[in-house]
Amino acid sequence: MVYLKKNLILLIVTVFALAVLAAGCGQPEKTTPSGESQAPAPKIKDVILATTTSTVDSGLLDVLIPVFEKKTGYNVKTVAVGTGQALAMGEKGEADVLLVHAPKDEQKLVDSGAGINYQLVMHNDFLVVGPENDPAQVKGLKDCALALQKITQKKCIFVSRGDDSGTHKKEKSVWKKAGVTPSGKWYQESGTGMGQTLQIASEKQGYTLTDRATFLAQKQNLKLVPLVEGDAVLLNIYHVMQVNPE
């Protein structure tokens, strides 16, 4: 029940934030003769949402988008890519709204003036998952950098997103903290979204870094288990912003 309640709150907050941003693309509120405010029909019926693949693979957008469309009257066209590519779309004006999870890179876009109405909407966490027999013996570690060092020492297969996504950026930051530059046959880049990366790691019986929501949504089809979690560095923060139309 606690888990469901948290997800309901997350959904409400996210829908509200997206609705506020979308209002910038529409008309001002109309007032009826009785003095009551009436939600206007939006000028722009289609809104392009550029977001990370994790929001799709986790099933979040399957719930979020219908609620948002009903609330606002907009039709949402979702482009699910890595956060790096989503931010690039925002910089080029190729999207209307961004829902992403790489705060340092997001702030650069906001500072440039290309992103406006920047808001924190939700967070979950990352975790390292891997085969149940755990050849690197990292299960239960609360230090993710130490876990990556042990995976390196054992040369166990590690499957990286390798796609400049928010998850990939987080992974690279933890490798840096571990003092490791991963390379070799044991370190493999999928170049795909989180869902596919999990499938590859499962097939190869390797380790990977994943957001919790996507893992939970797909775990029944995976031969992977949670091994490393709870490190403060694994916090996964999502922001939403409007792309500056000017």
C-alpha atoms as a PDB file:
ATOM      1  CA  MET A   1       0.000   0.000   0.000  1.00  0.00           C
ATOM      2  CA  VAL A   2       2.840   2.411   0.801  1.00  0.00           C
ATOM      3  CA  TYR A   3       4.426   1.686  -2.606  1.00  0.00           C
ATOM      4  CA  LEU A   4       1.103   2.343  -4.399  1.00  0.00           C
ATOM      5  CA  LYS A   5       0.542   5.547  -2.441  1.00  0.00           C
ATOM      6  CA  LYS A   6       4.006   6.841  -3.335  1.00  0.00           C
ATOM      7  CA  ASN A   7       3.398   6.091  -7.014  1.00  0.00           C
ATOM      8  CA  LEU A   8       0.019   7.828  -6.941  1.00  0.00           C
ATOM      9  CA  ILE A   9       1.594  10.941  -5.441  1.00  0.00           C
ATOM     10  CA  LEU A  10       4.381  10.783  -8.034  1.00  0.00           C
ATOM     11  CA  LEU A  11       1.801  10.560 -10.813  1.00  0.00           C
ATOM     12  CA  ILE A  12      -0.248  13.496  -9.528  1.00  0.00           C
ATOM     13  CA  VAL A  13       2.833  15.704  -9.127  1.00  0.00           C
ATOM     14  CA  THR A  14       4.147  14.849 -12.583  1.00  0.00           C
ATOM     15  CA  VAL A  15       0.807  15.418 -14.314  1.00  0.00           C
ATOM     16  CA  PHE A  16       0.467  18.754 -12.537  1.00  0.00           C
ATOM     17  CA  ALA A  17       3.962  19.850 -13.551  1.00  0.00           C
ATOM     18  CA  LEU A  18       3.446  18.855 -17.180  1.00  0.00           C
ATOM     19  CA  ALA A  19       0.082  20.620 -17.255  1.00  0.00           C
ATOM     20  CA  VAL A  20       1.630  23.827 -15.929  1.00  0.00           C
ATOM     21  CA  LEU A  21       4.317  23.716 -18.617  1.00  0.00           C
ATOM     22  CA  ALA A  22       1.846  22.930 -21.377  1.00  0.00           C
ATOM     23  CA  ALA A  23      -0.246  25.919 -20.340  1.00  0.00           C
ATOM     24  CA  GLY A  24       2.533  28.087 -21.719  1.00  0.00           C
ATOM     25  CA  CYS A  25       1.737  26.748 -25.186  1.00  0.00           C
ATOM     26  CA  GLY A  26      -1.967  27.521 -24.976  1.00  0.00           C
ATOM     27  CA  GLN A  27      -4.277  30.472 -24.410  1.00  0.00           C
ATOM     28  CA  PRO A  28      -4.985  32.371 -21.195  1.00  0.00           C
ATOM     29  CA  GLU A  29      -7.850  31.147 -19.054  1.00  0.00           C
ATOM     30  CA  LYS A  30     -11.303  32.350 -20.100  1.00  0.00           C
ATOM     31  CA  THR A  31     -13.856  33.616 -17.618  1.00  0.00           C
ATOM     32  CA  THR A  32     -17.521  32.706 -17.912  1.00  0.00           C
ATOM     33  CA  PRO A  33     -20.267  35.311 -17.320  1.00  0.00           C
ATOM     34  CA  SER A  34     -20.658  33.877 -13.835  1.00  0.00           C
ATOM     35  CA  GLY A  35     -17.031  34.738 -13.135  1.00  0.00           C
ATOM     36  CA  GLU A  36     -15.810  31.158 -13.084  1.00  0.00           C
ATOM     37  CA  SER A  37     -12.564  30.260 -14.808  1.00  0.00           C
ATOM     38  CA  GLN A  38     -12.840  27.922 -17.739  1.00  0.00           C
ATOM     39  CA  ALA A  39      -9.932  25.912 -19.104  1.00  0.00           C
ATOM     40  CA  PRO A  40      -9.211  27.109 -22.663  1.00  0.00           C
ATOM     41  CA  ALA A  41      -8.882  24.923 -25.692  1.00  0.00           C
ATOM     42  CA  PRO A  42      -5.144  24.851 -26.428  1.00  0.00           C
ATOM     43  CA  LYS A  43      -3.837  26.603 -29.534  1.00  0.00           C
ATOM     44  CA  ILE A  44      -1.364  23.809 -30.107  1.00  0.00           C
ATOM     45  CA  LYS A  45      -3.035  20.416 -30.004  1.00  0.00           C
ATOM     46  CA  ASP A  46       0.157  18.414 -30.312  1.00  0.00           C
ATOM     47  CA  VAL A  47       2.903  18.574 -27.702  1.00  0.00           C
ATOM     48  CA  ILE A  48       6.216  16.819 -28.296  1.00  0.00           C
ATOM     49  CA  LEU A  49       7.572  15.277 -25.107  1.00  0.00           C
ATOM     50  CA  ALA A  50      11.226  14.237 -25.289  1.00  0.00           C
ATOM     51  CA  THR A  51      12.064  11.915 -22.448  1.00  0.00           C
ATOM     52  CA  THR A  52      14.302   9.095 -21.339  1.00  0.00           C
ATOM     53  CA  THR A  53      13.582   5.507 -22.346  1.00  0.00           C
ATOM     54  CA  SER A  54      13.239   4.593 -18.669  1.00  0.00           C
ATOM     55  CA  THR A  55       9.925   6.435 -18.383  1.00  0.00           C
ATOM     56  CA  VAL A  56       8.596   4.256 -21.207  1.00  0.00           C
ATOM     57  CA  ASP A  57      10.212   0.954 -20.211  1.00  0.00           C
ATOM     58  CA  SER A  58       8.976   1.342 -16.633  1.00  0.00           C
ATOM     59  CA  GLY A  59       5.375   1.767 -17.799  1.00  0.00           C
ATOM     60  CA  LEU A  60       5.104   5.243 -16.239  1.00  0.00           C
ATOM     61  CA  LEU A  61       4.070   7.024 -19.431  1.00  0.00           C
ATOM     62  CA  ASP A  62       1.389   4.430 -20.149  1.00  0.00           C
ATOM     63  CA  VAL A  63      -0.342   5.754 -17.044  1.00  0.00           C
ATOM     64  CA  LEU A  64       0.801   9.367 -17.147  1.00  0.00           C
ATOM     65  CA  ILE A  65       0.037  10.371 -20.742  1.00  0.00           C
ATOM     66  CA  PRO A  66      -3.693   9.467 -20.813  1.00  0.00           C
ATOM     67  CA  VAL A  67      -4.243  11.391 -17.566  1.00  0.00           C
ATOM     68  CA  PHE A  68      -2.320  14.379 -18.935  1.00  0.00           C
ATOM     69  CA  GLU A  69      -4.215  14.371 -22.251  1.00  0.00           C
ATOM     70  CA  LYS A  70      -7.573  14.181 -20.494  1.00  0.00           C
ATOM     71  CA  LYS A  71      -6.627  16.992 -18.118  1.00  0.00           C
ATOM     72  CA  THR A  72      -5.274  19.394 -20.744  1.00  0.00           C
ATOM     73  CA  GLY A  73      -6.789  18.500 -24.119  1.00  0.00           C
ATOM     74  CA  TYR A  74      -3.352  18.100 -25.682  1.00  0.00           C
ATOM     75  CA  ASN A  75      -2.174  15.177 -27.781  1.00  0.00           C
ATOM     76  CA  VAL A  76       1.240  14.063 -26.595  1.00  0.00           C
ATOM     77  CA  LYS A  77       3.784  12.807 -29.091  1.00  0.00           C
ATOM     78  CA  THR A  78       6.436  11.009 -27.069  1.00  0.00           C
ATOM     79  CA  VAL A  79      10.018  10.693 -28.258  1.00  0.00           C
ATOM     80  CA  ALA A  80      11.789   8.257 -25.928  1.00  0.00           C
ATOM     81  CA  VAL A  81      15.553   8.580 -26.246  1.00  0.00           C
ATOM     82  CA  GLY A  82      18.517   8.878 -23.910  1.00  0.00           C
ATOM     83  CA  THR A  83      18.538  12.005 -21.759  1.00  0.00           C
ATOM     84  CA  GLY A  84      21.530  13.388 -23.682  1.00  0.00           C
ATOM     85  CA  GLN A  85      19.595  13.181 -26.946  1.00  0.00           C
ATOM     86  CA  ALA A  86      16.449  14.592 -25.337  1.00  0.00           C
ATOM     87  CA  LEU A  87      18.412  17.607 -24.102  1.00  0.00           C
ATOM     88  CA  ALA A  88      19.906  18.036 -27.582  1.00  0.00           C
ATOM     89  CA  MET A  89      16.377  18.069 -28.998  1.00  0.00           C
ATOM     90  CA  GLY A  90      15.476  20.775 -26.512  1.00  0.00           C
ATOM     91  CA  GLU A  91      18.515  22.830 -27.474  1.00  0.00           C
ATOM     92  CA  LYS A  92      17.504  22.613 -31.153  1.00  0.00           C
ATOM     93  CA  GLY A  93      13.850  23.417 -30.423  1.00  0.00           C
ATOM     94  CA  GLU A  94      12.727  19.983 -31.626  1.00  0.00           C
ATOM     95  CA  ALA A  95      10.550  19.307 -28.562  1.00  0.00           C
ATOM     96  CA  ASP A  96       8.109  21.252 -26.402  1.00  0.00           C
ATOM     97  CA  VAL A  97       8.639  19.586 -23.027  1.00  0.00           C
ATOM     98  CA  LEU A  98      11.533  17.553 -21.591  1.00  0.00           C
ATOM     99  CA  LEU A  99      11.261  14.943 -18.837  1.00  0.00           C
ATOM    100  CA  VAL A 100      14.838  13.916 -18.068  1.00  0.00           C
ATOM    101  CA  HIS A 101      17.230  12.782 -15.322  1.00  0.00           C
ATOM    102  CA  ALA A 102      20.712  14.263 -15.641  1.00  0.00           C
ATOM    103  CA  PRO A 103      20.603  17.372 -13.396  1.00  0.00           C
ATOM    104  CA  LYS A 104      24.051  18.792 -14.232  1.00  0.00           C
ATOM    105  CA  ASP A 105      23.400  18.674 -17.975  1.00  0.00           C
ATOM    106  CA  GLU A 106      19.848  19.930 -17.507  1.00  0.00           C
ATOM    107  CA  GLN A 107      21.140  22.977 -15.634  1.00  0.00           C
ATOM    108  CA  LYS A 108      23.396  23.830 -18.586  1.00  0.00           C
ATOM    109  CA  LEU A 109      20.347  23.916 -20.857  1.00  0.00           C
ATOM    110  CA  VAL A 110      18.464  26.108 -18.398  1.00  0.00           C
ATOM    111  CA  ASP A 111      21.457  28.450 -18.019  1.00  0.00           C
ATOM    112  CA  SER A 112      21.628  28.805 -21.805  1.00  0.00           C
ATOM    113  CA  GLY A 113      18.026  30.001 -21.853  1.00  0.00           C
ATOM    114  CA  ALA A 114      16.823  27.083 -23.978  1.00  0.00           C
ATOM    115  CA  GLY A 115      15.006  25.487 -21.043  1.00  0.00           C
ATOM    116  CA  ILE A 116      12.482  27.360 -18.896  1.00  0.00           C
ATOM    117  CA  ASN A 117      10.020  26.552 -16.093  1.00  0.00           C
ATOM    118  CA  TYR A 118      12.448  23.967 -14.721  1.00  0.00           C
ATOM    119  CA  GLN A 119      10.835  21.840 -12.002  1.00  0.00           C
ATOM    120  CA  LEU A 120      11.699  18.828  -9.879  1.00  0.00           C
ATOM    121  CA  VAL A 121       8.945  16.243 -10.277  1.00  0.00           C
ATOM    122  CA  MET A 122      10.064  12.900  -8.875  1.00  0.00           C
ATOM    123  CA  HIS A 123      12.885  10.586  -7.944  1.00  0.00           C
ATOM    124  CA  ASN A 124      13.636   6.930  -7.544  1.00  0.00           C
ATOM    125  CA  ASP A 125      17.011   5.220  -7.432  1.00  0.00           C
ATOM    126  CA  PHE A 126      19.493   3.213  -9.437  1.00  0.00           C
ATOM    127  CA  LEU A 127      20.768  -0.207  -8.479  1.00  0.00           C
ATOM    128  CA  VAL A 128      23.259  -2.729  -9.764  1.00  0.00           C
ATOM    129  CA  VAL A 129      21.645  -5.988 -10.825  1.00  0.00           C
ATOM    130  CA  GLY A 130      23.318  -9.180 -11.906  1.00  0.00           C
ATOM    131  CA  PRO A 131      23.186 -12.982 -11.898  1.00  0.00           C
ATOM    132  CA  GLU A 132      22.000 -14.700  -8.746  1.00  0.00           C
ATOM    133  CA  ASN A 133      25.289 -16.571  -8.329  1.00  0.00           C
ATOM    134  CA  ASP A 134      27.046 -13.161  -8.178  1.00  0.00           C
ATOM    135  CA  PRO A 135      30.563 -14.113  -9.383  1.00  0.00           C
ATOM    136  CA  ALA A 136      31.963 -10.698  -8.396  1.00  0.00           C
ATOM    137  CA  GLN A 137      30.607 -11.111  -4.851  1.00  0.00           C
ATOM    138  CA  VAL A 138      29.095  -7.638  -4.621  1.00  0.00           C
ATOM    139  CA  LYS A 139      25.742  -8.540  -3.069  1.00  0.00           C
ATOM    140  CA  GLY A 140      24.848  -6.360  -0.114  1.00  0.00           C
ATOM    141  CA  LEU A 141      27.525  -3.724  -0.693  1.00  0.00           C
ATOM    142  CA  LYS A 142      26.368  -0.167   0.018  1.00  0.00           C
ATOM    143  CA  ASP A 143      29.314   1.349  -1.867  1.00  0.00           C
ATOM    144  CA  CYS A 144      28.583   1.194  -5.593  1.00  0.00           C
ATOM    145  CA  ALA A 145      32.092   2.330  -6.555  1.00  0.00           C
ATOM    146  CA  LEU A 146      33.564  -0.574  -4.576  1.00  0.00           C
ATOM    147  CA  ALA A 147      31.161  -2.947  -6.328  1.00  0.00           C
ATOM    148  CA  LEU A 148      32.346  -1.748  -9.737  1.00  0.00           C
ATOM    149  CA  GLN A 149      35.961  -2.215  -8.655  1.00  0.00           C
ATOM    150  CA  LYS A 150      35.210  -5.837  -7.706  1.00  0.00           C
ATOM    151  CA  ILE A 151      33.421  -6.448 -11.022  1.00  0.00           C
ATOM    152  CA  THR A 152      36.497  -5.058 -12.805  1.00  0.00           C
ATOM    153  CA  GLN A 153      38.910  -7.216 -10.817  1.00  0.00           C
ATOM    154  CA  LYS A 154      36.948 -10.372 -11.643  1.00  0.00           C
ATOM    155  CA  LYS A 155      36.418  -9.205 -15.255  1.00  0.00           C
ATOM    156  CA  CYS A 156      32.762 -10.148 -14.992  1.00  0.00           C
ATOM    157  CA  ILE A 157      30.549  -9.043 -17.863  1.00  0.00           C
ATOM    158  CA  PHE A 158      29.113  -5.574 -17.353  1.00  0.00           C
ATOM    159  CA  VAL A 159      26.573  -4.282 -19.870  1.00  0.00           C
ATOM    160  CA  SER A 160      26.484  -0.492 -20.178  1.00  0.00           C
ATOM    161  CA  ARG A 161      23.776   1.550 -21.867  1.00  0.00           C
ATOM    162  CA  GLY A 162      26.515   3.376 -23.773  1.00  0.00           C
ATOM    163  CA  ASP A 163      23.976   5.838 -25.154  1.00  0.00           C
ATOM    164  CA  ASP A 164      24.635   9.122 -23.294  1.00  0.00           C
ATOM    165  CA  SER A 165      21.404   8.619 -21.357  1.00  0.00           C
ATOM    166  CA  GLY A 166      20.935   9.801 -17.795  1.00  0.00           C
ATOM    167  CA  THR A 167      21.591   6.245 -16.639  1.00  0.00           C
ATOM    168  CA  HIS A 168      24.778   6.076 -18.704  1.00  0.00           C
ATOM    169  CA  LYS A 169      25.931   9.417 -17.298  1.00  0.00           C
ATOM    170  CA  LYS A 170      25.315   8.151 -13.767  1.00  0.00           C
ATOM    171  CA  GLU A 171      27.217   4.944 -14.519  1.00  0.00           C
ATOM    172  CA  LYS A 172      30.206   6.897 -15.865  1.00  0.00           C
ATOM    173  CA  SER A 173      30.251   9.083 -12.758  1.00  0.00           C
ATOM    174  CA  VAL A 174      30.427   5.998 -10.524  1.00  0.00           C
ATOM    175  CA  TRP A 175      33.232   4.466 -12.626  1.00  0.00           C
ATOM    176  CA  LYS A 176      35.104   7.744 -12.185  1.00  0.00           C
ATOM    177  CA  LYS A 177      34.555   7.613  -8.431  1.00  0.00           C
ATOM    178  CA  ALA A 178      35.853   4.030  -8.479  1.00  0.00           C
ATOM    179  CA  GLY A 179      39.012   5.163 -10.277  1.00  0.00           C
ATOM    180  CA  VAL A 180      38.343   2.768 -13.136  1.00  0.00           C
ATOM    181  CA  THR A 181      38.266   3.350 -16.898  1.00  0.00           C
ATOM    182  CA  PRO A 182      36.286   0.297 -18.022  1.00  0.00           C
ATOM    183  CA  SER A 183      37.505  -1.444 -21.169  1.00  0.00           C
ATOM    184  CA  GLY A 184      37.991  -4.921 -22.546  1.00  0.00           C
ATOM    185  CA  LYS A 185      35.744  -7.784 -23.588  1.00  0.00           C
ATOM    186  CA  TRP A 186      34.051  -7.879 -20.194  1.00  0.00           C
ATOM    187  CA  TYR A 187      32.742  -4.301 -20.612  1.00  0.00           C
ATOM    188  CA  GLN A 188      30.059  -4.219 -23.286  1.00  0.00           C
ATOM    189  CA  GLU A 189      27.965  -1.289 -24.514  1.00  0.00           C
ATOM    190  CA  SER A 190      24.455  -2.044 -25.747  1.00  0.00           C
ATOM    191  CA  GLY A 191      23.709   1.360 -27.291  1.00  0.00           C
ATOM    192  CA  THR A 192      20.060   0.725 -26.417  1.00  0.00           C
ATOM    193  CA  GLY A 193      17.434   1.726 -23.883  1.00  0.00           C
ATOM    194  CA  MET A 194      17.142   0.393 -20.356  1.00  0.00           C
ATOM    195  CA  GLY A 195      14.714  -2.389 -21.152  1.00  0.00           C
ATOM    196  CA  GLN A 196      16.847  -3.864 -23.905  1.00  0.00           C
ATOM    197  CA  THR A 197      20.021  -3.435 -21.868  1.00  0.00           C
ATOM    198  CA  LEU A 198      18.478  -5.449 -19.054  1.00  0.00           C
ATOM    199  CA  GLN A 199      17.533  -8.186 -21.513  1.00  0.00           C
ATOM    200  CA  ILE A 200      21.096  -8.325 -22.856  1.00  0.00           C
ATOM    201  CA  ALA A 201      22.581  -8.433 -19.350  1.00  0.00           C
ATOM    202  CA  SER A 202      20.172 -11.228 -18.483  1.00  0.00           C
ATOM    203  CA  GLU A 203      21.071 -13.258 -21.565  1.00  0.00           C
ATOM    204  CA  LYS A 204      24.807 -12.818 -20.947  1.00  0.00           C
ATOM    205  CA  GLN A 205      24.448 -13.280 -17.183  1.00  0.00           C
ATOM    206  CA  GLY A 206      26.240 -10.005 -16.618  1.00  0.00           C
ATOM    207  CA  TYR A 207      25.863  -6.978 -14.380  1.00  0.00           C
ATOM    208  CA  THR A 208      24.297  -3.641 -15.254  1.00  0.00           C
ATOM    209  CA  LEU A 209      23.178  -0.378 -13.663  1.00  0.00           C
ATOM    210  CA  THR A 210      19.442   0.198 -13.943  1.00  0.00           C
ATOM    211  CA  ASP A 211      16.757   2.468 -12.590  1.00  0.00           C
ATOM    212  CA  ARG A 212      14.564   0.619 -10.117  1.00  0.00           C
ATOM    213  CA  ALA A 213      11.243   1.273 -11.878  1.00  0.00           C
ATOM    214  CA  THR A 214      12.303  -0.328 -15.164  1.00  0.00           C
ATOM    215  CA  PHE A 215      13.799  -3.316 -13.370  1.00  0.00           C
ATOM    216  CA  LEU A 216      10.623  -3.879 -11.350  1.00  0.00           C
ATOM    217  CA  ALA A 217       8.490  -3.615 -14.490  1.00  0.00           C
ATOM    218  CA  GLN A 218      10.556  -6.247 -16.304  1.00  0.00           C
ATOM    219  CA  LYS A 219      12.020  -8.479 -13.605  1.00  0.00           C
ATOM    220  CA  GLN A 220       9.683 -11.411 -14.315  1.00  0.00           C
ATOM    221  CA  ASN A 221      11.338 -11.792 -17.705  1.00  0.00           C
ATOM    222  CA  LEU A 222      14.896 -11.431 -16.399  1.00  0.00           C
ATOM    223  CA  LYS A 223      17.413 -13.786 -14.832  1.00  0.00           C
ATOM    224  CA  LEU A 224      18.827 -10.946 -12.757  1.00  0.00           C
ATOM    225  CA  VAL A 225      18.508  -9.959  -9.104  1.00  0.00           C
ATOM    226  CA  PRO A 226      19.177  -6.726  -7.168  1.00  0.00           C
ATOM    227  CA  LEU A 227      22.691  -6.800  -5.719  1.00  0.00           C
ATOM    228  CA  VAL A 228      23.873  -3.269  -4.896  1.00  0.00           C
ATOM    229  CA  GLU A 229      21.502  -0.576  -3.674  1.00  0.00           C
ATOM    230  CA  GLY A 230      21.150   2.086  -1.022  1.00  0.00           C
ATOM    231  CA  ASP A 231      24.255   4.144  -1.875  1.00  0.00           C
ATOM    232  CA  ALA A 232      23.444   7.874  -1.817  1.00  0.00           C
ATOM    233  CA  VAL A 233      25.212   8.264  -5.171  1.00  0.00           C
ATOM    234  CA  LEU A 234      22.476   6.127  -6.749  1.00  0.00           C
ATOM    235  CA  LEU A 235      19.709   8.696  -6.271  1.00  0.00           C
ATOM    236  CA  ASN A 236      17.869   9.181  -9.582  1.00  0.00           C
ATOM    237  CA  ILE A 237      16.298  12.638  -9.904  1.00  0.00           C
ATOM    238  CA  TYR A 238      13.841  13.628 -12.644  1.00  0.00           C
ATOM    239  CA  HIS A 239      13.060  17.177 -13.730  1.00  0.00           C
ATOM    240  CA  VAL A 240      10.591  18.523 -16.243  1.00  0.00           C
ATOM    241  CA  MET A 241      11.063  21.716 -18.235  1.00  0.00           C
ATOM    242  CA  GLN A 242       9.502  23.618 -21.076  1.00  0.00           C
ATOM    243  CA  VAL A 243      11.608  24.273 -24.153  1.00  0.00           C
ATOM    244  CA  ASN A 244      11.840  28.026 -24.695  1.00  0.00           C
ATOM    245  CA  PRO A 245       9.679  28.727 -27.775  1.00  0.00           C
ATOM    246  CA  GLU A 246      11.482  31.984 -28.547  1.00  0.00           C
END
